[in-house]
Amino acid sequence: MTERIAYTKPSITELEVEYATDAARNGWGARCYDYIHRLERDFAAHLGVTHAIATSSCTGALHLGLAALGVGPGDEVILADSNWIASCAPVLHLGAKPVLVDILEETWCLDPALVEAAITPRTKAIIAVHLYGSLCDMDGLMEIGARHGIAVIEDAAEAIGSAWGERRAGSRGSFGTFSFHGTKTMTTGEGGMFVTSDRDLFERVTTLSNHGRDASEPRQFFPTVTGYKFKMANIAAAIGCAQVDRIAELIAGKRRIMARYRDLLTDLDGIALNAEPEGTTNGYWMPTAVFDRDTGVTREKLIAAFQDANIDARVFFWPLSDLPMFDPRPENANARDIAGRAINLPSYHDMNELAQARVADVIAGLLKAR
């Protein structure tokens, strides 16, 4: 049996081990926040934003930001139907209503025209999720948000390394959120980040993230509001600091893997890979192959073929409206159609060319057998 190919795993070097060991030995008492504060400072500098707050997950960061914007019962939040539920769960937990709209066929991200059509007097925010590293049309979404007085939020969990020119994903909305899960381009094991250049919003999130304790409150252990606990651990932040030190290398590794896939698959008709429109950079967190409708290749055939080849591959996210906790949205045709004929390809940092060739052979075999 050939060795199993994982779909993803982190890149961990002696630098991460060194920093984590230091945090375990010395990161207590007065130094218990040292690596957290360093990670926040260095990640904000990487993005070109003013403020960052390290969190236990991207979901927690999104929850904090939405709460700080005042999202609650009676409000509506617009987001794409093609999403992992983590982008939507905080909306529901805060008592608001998610409004799920269809995606663009090429980028798999929010369709701005459908976003505008979905706006009502109850719309409080738009969550722009940069799916698999592909970028939402932020120019269009920001214009819509400004015209209607609605906050535009960037869920950049999957978009480390993605950018419009020199402007990095996560730096343009009212706030941005990132995931440092073990599957992501950079990792802290579990973890995330809230980022913004809005001072007032940053201060509200800072208070909410610390059990409602205001930094200006002179009384110890005296919360002024009911807050949350979505704090990152110092040891996890230490790993993240090493990853930020290496972030250019990590981003380049993802792009190198995608370039190799393009080389291997360029002569095959019937598939499309992640888009990179002119003027943008795609961080290619998760290389994805979408098969043309006339190939007859389905999600089920893809799963079976990759399992037979001893390769881990992930299905394209099911439309949220297909899940039992949401109402069906049959009008979201792209979200449903694309998910039924797409697959995420393995893309871990130290993946070699032989492993990528095995993945390409599975795709070629499916197209040959049609």
Protein backbone atom coordinates (compact mmCIF):
# COMPACT_ATOMS: atom_id res chain seq x y z
CA MET A 1 0.00 0.00 0.00
CA THR A 2 1.36 3.44 -0.89
CA GLU A 3 1.84 5.94 1.93
CA ARG A 4 -1.28 7.94 2.74
CA ILE A 5 -1.20 11.57 1.61
CA ALA A 6 -2.66 13.97 4.18
CA TYR A 7 -4.71 16.90 2.94
CA THR A 8 -2.96 19.28 5.30
CA LYS A 9 -0.59 19.53 8.26
CA PRO A 10 1.38 22.41 9.76
CA SER A 11 4.98 23.37 9.16
CA ILE A 12 6.72 23.15 12.54
CA THR A 13 10.45 23.79 12.89
CA GLU A 14 12.92 24.08 15.75
CA LEU A 15 12.02 27.76 16.01
CA GLU A 16 8.44 26.92 17.08
CA VAL A 17 9.78 24.34 19.54
CA GLU A 18 12.25 26.89 20.96
CA TYR A 19 9.61 29.56 21.50
CA ALA A 20 7.04 27.13 22.95
CA THR A 21 9.66 25.70 25.31
CA ASP A 22 10.53 29.18 26.53
CA ALA A 23 6.84 29.94 27.12
CA ALA A 24 6.39 26.68 29.04
CA ARG A 25 9.44 27.33 31.22
CA ASN A 26 9.22 31.06 31.74
CA GLY A 27 5.87 32.39 30.50
CA TRP A 28 4.11 32.65 33.83
CA GLY A 29 3.39 35.34 36.40
CA ALA A 30 4.48 38.72 35.08
CA ARG A 31 5.43 37.16 31.72
CA CYS A 32 2.16 35.29 31.14
CA TYR A 33 1.14 37.61 28.27
CA ASP A 34 4.55 38.19 26.68
CA TYR A 35 4.08 36.00 23.61
CA ILE A 36 0.43 37.00 23.25
CA HIS A 37 1.32 40.68 23.05
CA ARG A 38 4.22 39.95 20.71
CA LEU A 39 1.98 37.94 18.39
CA GLU A 40 -0.63 40.69 18.32
CA ARG A 41 2.01 43.33 17.54
CA ASP A 42 3.77 41.31 14.84
CA PHE A 43 0.61 40.07 13.12
CA ALA A 44 -0.85 43.59 13.04
CA ALA A 45 2.39 44.82 11.47
CA HIS A 46 2.25 42.03 8.86
CA LEU A 47 -1.29 43.05 7.89
CA GLY A 48 -0.75 46.80 8.07
CA VAL A 49 -3.53 47.35 10.64
CA THR A 50 -3.40 49.28 13.90
CA HIS A 51 -4.84 46.80 16.39
CA ALA A 52 -4.97 43.03 16.90
CA ILE A 53 -6.36 40.80 19.66
CA ALA A 54 -5.33 37.15 19.86
CA THR A 55 -8.24 34.80 20.45
CA SER A 56 -8.92 31.12 21.04
CA SER A 57 -10.37 30.75 17.52
CA CYS A 58 -11.48 32.69 14.48
CA THR A 59 -15.05 31.92 15.52
CA GLY A 60 -14.41 33.63 18.85
CA ALA A 61 -12.87 36.63 17.10
CA LEU A 62 -15.91 36.93 14.84
CA HIS A 63 -18.26 36.61 17.83
CA LEU A 64 -16.45 39.39 19.69
CA GLY A 65 -16.47 41.72 16.69
CA LEU A 66 -20.15 41.18 15.94
CA ALA A 67 -21.05 41.70 19.60
CA ALA A 68 -19.01 44.91 19.69
CA LEU A 69 -20.94 46.16 16.64
CA GLY A 70 -24.16 45.56 18.58
CA VAL A 71 -25.44 42.65 16.45
CA GLY A 72 -28.33 40.99 18.26
CA PRO A 73 -31.95 39.82 18.11
CA GLY A 74 -33.91 41.32 15.23
CA ASP A 75 -30.80 42.03 13.16
CA GLU A 76 -29.85 40.41 9.87
CA VAL A 77 -26.35 39.55 8.71
CA ILE A 78 -25.69 38.74 5.04
CA LEU A 79 -23.11 36.11 4.08
CA ALA A 80 -22.48 33.56 1.36
CA ASP A 81 -24.29 30.24 1.34
CA SER A 82 -20.98 28.47 0.53
CA ASN A 83 -19.32 28.57 3.92
CA TRP A 84 -18.19 26.52 6.87
CA ILE A 85 -20.68 26.95 9.69
CA ALA A 86 -18.07 28.71 11.86
CA SER A 87 -18.69 31.91 9.88
CA CYS A 88 -22.38 31.75 10.64
CA ALA A 89 -22.58 30.31 14.16
CA PRO A 90 -21.74 33.58 15.99
CA VAL A 91 -24.59 35.32 14.15
CA LEU A 92 -27.00 32.70 15.49
CA HIS A 93 -25.50 32.69 18.99
CA LEU A 94 -26.04 36.46 19.19
CA GLY A 95 -29.70 36.00 18.25
CA ALA A 96 -29.46 37.55 14.78
CA LYS A 97 -30.65 36.06 11.49
CA PRO A 98 -28.17 34.93 8.82
CA VAL A 99 -29.26 35.81 5.28
CA LEU A 100 -27.59 33.37 2.88
CA VAL A 101 -26.96 34.53 -0.68
CA ASP A 102 -25.36 32.83 -3.66
CA ILE A 103 -21.73 32.96 -4.77
CA LEU A 104 -19.93 34.01 -7.92
CA GLU A 105 -19.01 31.04 -10.10
CA GLU A 106 -15.33 31.95 -10.57
CA THR A 107 -14.24 33.09 -7.10
CA TRP A 108 -16.76 31.10 -4.99
CA CYS A 109 -17.28 34.26 -2.89
CA LEU A 110 -20.22 36.60 -2.23
CA ASP A 111 -22.05 38.01 -5.23
CA PRO A 112 -22.27 41.78 -4.50
CA ALA A 113 -25.40 42.21 -6.63
CA LEU A 114 -27.21 39.58 -4.55
CA VAL A 115 -25.91 41.15 -1.35
CA GLU A 116 -27.44 44.48 -2.28
CA ALA A 117 -30.73 42.83 -3.24
CA ALA A 118 -30.86 41.13 0.18
CA ILE A 119 -30.47 44.32 2.22
CA THR A 120 -33.44 45.29 4.39
CA PRO A 121 -33.91 47.86 7.18
CA ARG A 122 -32.83 45.09 9.59
CA THR A 123 -29.46 44.42 7.90
CA LYS A 124 -26.68 45.09 10.42
CA ALA A 125 -23.60 43.63 8.73
CA ILE A 126 -22.15 41.83 5.72
CA ILE A 127 -19.61 39.07 6.33
CA ALA A 128 -17.23 38.70 3.40
CA VAL A 129 -15.61 35.27 3.65
CA HIS A 130 -12.51 34.87 1.48
CA LEU A 131 -13.11 31.23 0.64
CA TYR A 132 -10.07 28.94 0.26
CA GLY A 133 -7.88 32.03 -0.20
CA SER A 134 -10.00 33.53 -3.01
CA LEU A 135 -10.89 37.17 -2.41
CA CYS A 136 -14.32 38.72 -2.21
CA ASP A 137 -15.03 41.79 -4.33
CA MET A 138 -14.26 44.17 -1.48
CA ASP A 139 -14.46 47.26 -3.68
CA GLY A 140 -18.06 46.41 -4.50
CA LEU A 141 -18.98 45.29 -1.00
CA MET A 142 -17.40 48.30 0.72
CA GLU A 143 -19.24 50.66 -1.63
CA ILE A 144 -22.52 48.90 -0.85
CA GLY A 145 -21.80 48.99 2.87
CA ALA A 146 -20.92 52.69 2.82
CA ARG A 147 -24.00 53.60 0.82
CA HIS A 148 -26.34 51.74 3.18
CA GLY A 149 -24.50 52.43 6.43
CA ILE A 150 -23.77 48.73 6.98
CA ALA A 151 -20.54 47.29 8.40
CA VAL A 152 -18.55 45.01 6.09
CA ILE A 153 -16.58 42.35 7.96
CA GLU A 154 -13.76 40.22 6.53
CA ASP A 155 -13.62 36.59 7.59
CA ALA A 156 -10.08 35.97 6.39
CA ALA A 157 -9.69 32.65 8.21
CA GLU A 158 -8.53 31.04 4.96
CA ALA A 159 -6.82 34.04 3.37
CA ILE A 160 -3.41 34.53 4.96
CA GLY A 161 -1.22 35.55 2.02
CA SER A 162 -4.10 36.86 -0.10
CA ALA A 163 -4.02 40.53 -1.10
CA TRP A 164 -5.23 43.27 -3.42
CA GLY A 165 -1.96 44.79 -4.54
CA GLU A 166 -0.18 45.60 -1.26
CA ARG A 167 -3.42 45.56 0.79
CA ARG A 168 -3.68 42.26 2.65
CA ALA A 169 -6.90 40.33 3.19
CA GLY A 170 -8.46 41.18 6.53
CA SER A 171 -7.26 44.78 6.55
CA ARG A 172 -10.10 46.50 4.68
CA GLY A 173 -13.36 45.82 6.51
CA SER A 174 -14.66 47.27 9.78
CA PHE A 175 -12.73 44.39 11.25
CA GLY A 176 -11.10 41.18 10.08
CA THR A 177 -10.73 37.75 11.63
CA PHE A 178 -8.19 34.98 11.11
CA SER A 179 -7.86 31.31 11.99
CA PHE A 180 -4.67 29.70 13.27
CA HIS A 181 -6.13 26.19 13.39
CA GLY A 182 -3.66 23.38 12.69
CA THR A 183 -4.91 23.16 9.10
CA LYS A 184 -4.24 26.81 8.25
CA THR A 185 -1.30 28.49 6.50
CA MET A 186 0.06 29.57 9.89
CA THR A 187 -0.96 27.92 13.13
CA THR A 188 -1.02 28.16 16.89
CA GLY A 189 -2.68 24.72 17.15
CA GLU A 190 -6.04 26.28 17.89
CA GLY A 191 -6.41 30.03 17.82
CA GLY A 192 -7.39 33.12 15.90
CA MET A 193 -7.05 36.88 15.66
CA PHE A 194 -9.34 39.91 15.63
CA VAL A 195 -7.88 42.88 13.71
CA THR A 196 -9.06 46.42 13.06
CA SER A 197 -7.84 49.98 12.55
CA ASP A 198 -10.93 51.37 14.32
CA ARG A 199 -9.78 52.50 17.78
CA ASP A 200 -13.26 52.61 19.31
CA LEU A 201 -14.15 49.16 18.03
CA PHE A 202 -10.82 47.80 19.30
CA GLU A 203 -11.50 49.16 22.78
CA ARG A 204 -15.00 47.64 22.87
CA VAL A 205 -13.65 44.25 21.77
CA THR A 206 -10.82 44.49 24.30
CA THR A 207 -13.37 44.94 27.08
CA LEU A 208 -15.67 42.19 25.83
CA SER A 209 -12.75 39.78 25.39
CA ASN A 210 -11.66 40.15 29.03
CA HIS A 211 -14.89 39.24 30.84
CA GLY A 212 -16.19 42.77 30.43
CA ARG A 213 -13.35 44.46 32.31
CA ASP A 214 -12.60 47.95 31.02
CA ALA A 215 -8.87 48.79 30.98
CA SER A 216 -9.66 52.22 32.48
CA GLU A 217 -11.67 50.79 35.38
CA PRO A 218 -9.61 51.36 38.59
CA ARG A 219 -11.34 48.64 40.63
CA GLN A 220 -9.80 45.17 40.34
CA PHE A 221 -12.10 42.35 39.15
CA PHE A 222 -14.91 44.85 38.43
CA PRO A 223 -16.49 44.09 35.02
CA THR A 224 -18.64 46.85 33.59
CA VAL A 225 -20.46 44.62 31.07
CA THR A 226 -20.98 40.89 30.66
CA GLY A 227 -18.14 39.83 28.41
CA TYR A 228 -16.58 36.66 27.04
CA LYS A 229 -13.48 34.51 27.44
CA PHE A 230 -11.96 33.84 24.02
CA LYS A 231 -8.34 34.34 25.07
CA MET A 232 -5.39 32.59 23.43
CA ALA A 233 -2.91 30.72 25.63
CA ASN A 234 0.62 32.16 25.92
CA ILE A 235 2.20 28.84 24.83
CA ALA A 236 0.00 28.76 21.73
CA ALA A 237 0.96 32.38 21.01
CA ALA A 238 4.63 31.42 21.25
CA ILE A 239 4.15 28.97 18.38
CA GLY A 240 2.33 31.72 16.50
CA CYS A 241 5.22 34.14 16.99
CA ALA A 242 7.58 31.67 15.32
CA GLN A 243 5.07 31.23 12.49
CA VAL A 244 4.84 35.00 11.94
CA ASP A 245 8.63 35.13 11.86
CA ARG A 246 8.40 32.59 9.01
CA ILE A 247 5.20 33.90 7.40
CA ALA A 248 6.75 34.86 4.06
CA GLU A 249 8.15 31.33 3.78
CA LEU A 250 4.79 29.78 4.71
CA ILE A 251 2.88 31.87 2.16
CA ALA A 252 5.45 31.13 -0.55
CA GLY A 253 5.13 27.42 0.20
CA LYS A 254 1.39 27.47 -0.44
CA ARG A 255 1.85 29.34 -3.68
CA ARG A 256 4.59 26.93 -4.78
CA ILE A 257 2.27 23.95 -4.23
CA MET A 258 -0.48 25.62 -6.24
CA ALA A 259 1.92 26.44 -9.08
CA ARG A 260 2.95 22.80 -9.23
CA TYR A 261 -0.69 21.70 -9.44
CA ARG A 262 -1.25 24.10 -12.32
CA ASP A 263 1.75 22.61 -14.13
CA LEU A 264 0.52 19.07 -13.58
CA LEU A 265 -3.08 19.78 -14.59
CA THR A 266 -2.61 22.38 -17.32
CA ASP A 267 -3.15 19.93 -20.19
CA LEU A 268 -6.40 18.55 -18.76
CA ASP A 269 -9.70 19.85 -20.07
CA GLY A 270 -12.74 19.91 -17.84
CA ILE A 271 -11.48 21.41 -14.57
CA ALA A 272 -11.01 24.86 -13.08
CA LEU A 273 -8.73 25.77 -10.17
CA ASN A 274 -8.75 28.66 -7.69
CA ALA A 275 -9.03 32.04 -9.40
CA GLU A 276 -6.48 34.83 -9.09
CA PRO A 277 -7.95 37.92 -10.80
CA GLU A 278 -5.59 40.56 -12.13
CA GLY A 279 -4.27 42.83 -9.41
CA THR A 280 -4.78 40.27 -6.66
CA THR A 281 -2.69 37.63 -4.94
CA ASN A 282 -4.32 34.38 -3.83
CA GLY A 283 -2.76 32.80 -0.74
CA TYR A 284 -4.07 29.42 -1.99
CA TRP A 285 -4.78 28.03 1.46
CA MET A 286 -6.66 25.14 -0.12
CA PRO A 287 -6.12 24.32 -3.82
CA THR A 288 -9.49 23.27 -5.20
CA ALA A 289 -10.54 21.57 -8.41
CA VAL A 290 -14.02 22.22 -9.81
CA PHE A 291 -15.02 19.83 -12.59
CA ASP A 292 -17.08 21.01 -15.55
CA ARG A 293 -20.69 19.89 -15.50
CA ASP A 294 -20.35 17.88 -18.71
CA THR A 295 -17.56 15.69 -17.25
CA GLY A 296 -20.09 13.86 -15.09
CA VAL A 297 -17.61 13.92 -12.18
CA THR A 298 -19.45 14.25 -8.88
CA ARG A 299 -18.52 14.76 -5.24
CA GLU A 300 -19.26 11.10 -4.56
CA LYS A 301 -17.02 9.91 -7.42
CA LEU A 302 -14.26 12.21 -6.22
CA ILE A 303 -14.43 10.94 -2.64
CA ALA A 304 -14.33 7.33 -3.79
CA ALA A 305 -11.42 7.88 -6.22
CA PHE A 306 -9.24 9.62 -3.66
CA GLN A 307 -10.03 7.03 -0.99
CA ASP A 308 -9.04 4.26 -3.40
CA ALA A 309 -5.72 6.07 -4.00
CA ASN A 310 -5.07 6.41 -0.23
CA ILE A 311 -5.25 10.21 -0.43
CA ASP A 312 -7.06 12.52 1.97
CA ALA A 313 -9.12 15.11 0.13
CA ARG A 314 -11.86 17.40 1.45
CA VAL A 315 -15.22 18.06 -0.11
CA PHE A 316 -16.11 21.62 -1.08
CA PHE A 317 -18.24 23.14 1.69
CA TRP A 318 -21.85 22.07 1.57
CA PRO A 319 -24.19 25.07 1.20
CA LEU A 320 -25.27 26.15 4.67
CA SER A 321 -28.84 26.07 3.41
CA ASP A 322 -28.48 22.31 2.86
CA LEU A 323 -27.83 21.78 6.58
CA PRO A 324 -30.76 20.80 8.81
CA MET A 325 -30.64 23.94 10.98
CA PHE A 326 -31.24 26.30 8.04
CA ASP A 327 -34.11 26.90 5.65
CA PRO A 328 -33.51 25.66 2.08
CA ARG A 329 -32.40 28.26 -0.46
CA PRO A 330 -32.90 26.54 -3.84
CA GLU A 331 -32.28 29.85 -5.62
CA ASN A 332 -28.60 29.68 -4.57
CA ALA A 333 -27.79 27.56 -7.61
CA ASN A 334 -24.02 28.15 -7.78
CA ALA A 335 -23.45 27.22 -4.14
CA ARG A 336 -25.23 23.90 -4.60
CA ASP A 337 -23.98 23.12 -8.10
CA ILE A 338 -20.28 23.80 -7.48
CA ALA A 339 -20.21 21.88 -4.20
CA GLY A 340 -21.51 18.82 -6.02
CA ARG A 341 -18.57 18.65 -8.46
CA ALA A 342 -15.55 19.96 -6.54
CA ILE A 343 -12.79 18.73 -4.24
CA ASN A 344 -10.09 20.35 -2.07
CA LEU A 345 -6.64 18.98 -2.92
CA PRO A 346 -3.89 18.10 -0.41
CA SER A 347 -1.52 21.03 0.12
CA TYR A 348 0.65 20.68 3.22
CA HIS A 349 3.82 22.77 3.27
CA ASP A 350 6.40 20.01 2.78
CA MET A 351 4.38 18.13 0.18
CA ASN A 352 6.78 16.84 -2.47
CA GLU A 353 6.30 16.67 -6.23
CA LEU A 354 5.76 12.90 -6.19
CA ALA A 355 2.81 13.27 -3.82
CA GLN A 356 1.34 16.02 -5.96
CA ALA A 357 1.75 13.84 -9.05
CA ARG A 358 -0.26 11.10 -7.33
CA VAL A 359 -3.06 13.60 -6.72
CA ALA A 360 -2.94 14.75 -10.34
CA ASP A 361 -3.11 11.14 -11.53
CA VAL A 362 -6.42 10.65 -9.69
CA ILE A 363 -7.88 13.71 -11.41
CA ALA A 364 -6.59 12.63 -14.82
CA GLY A 365 -8.04 9.16 -14.29
CA LEU A 366 -11.47 10.54 -13.50
CA LEU A 367 -11.46 12.69 -16.62
CA LYS A 368 -10.21 9.81 -18.78
CA ALA A 369 -12.96 7.50 -17.50
CA ARG A 370 -15.84 9.83 -18.36
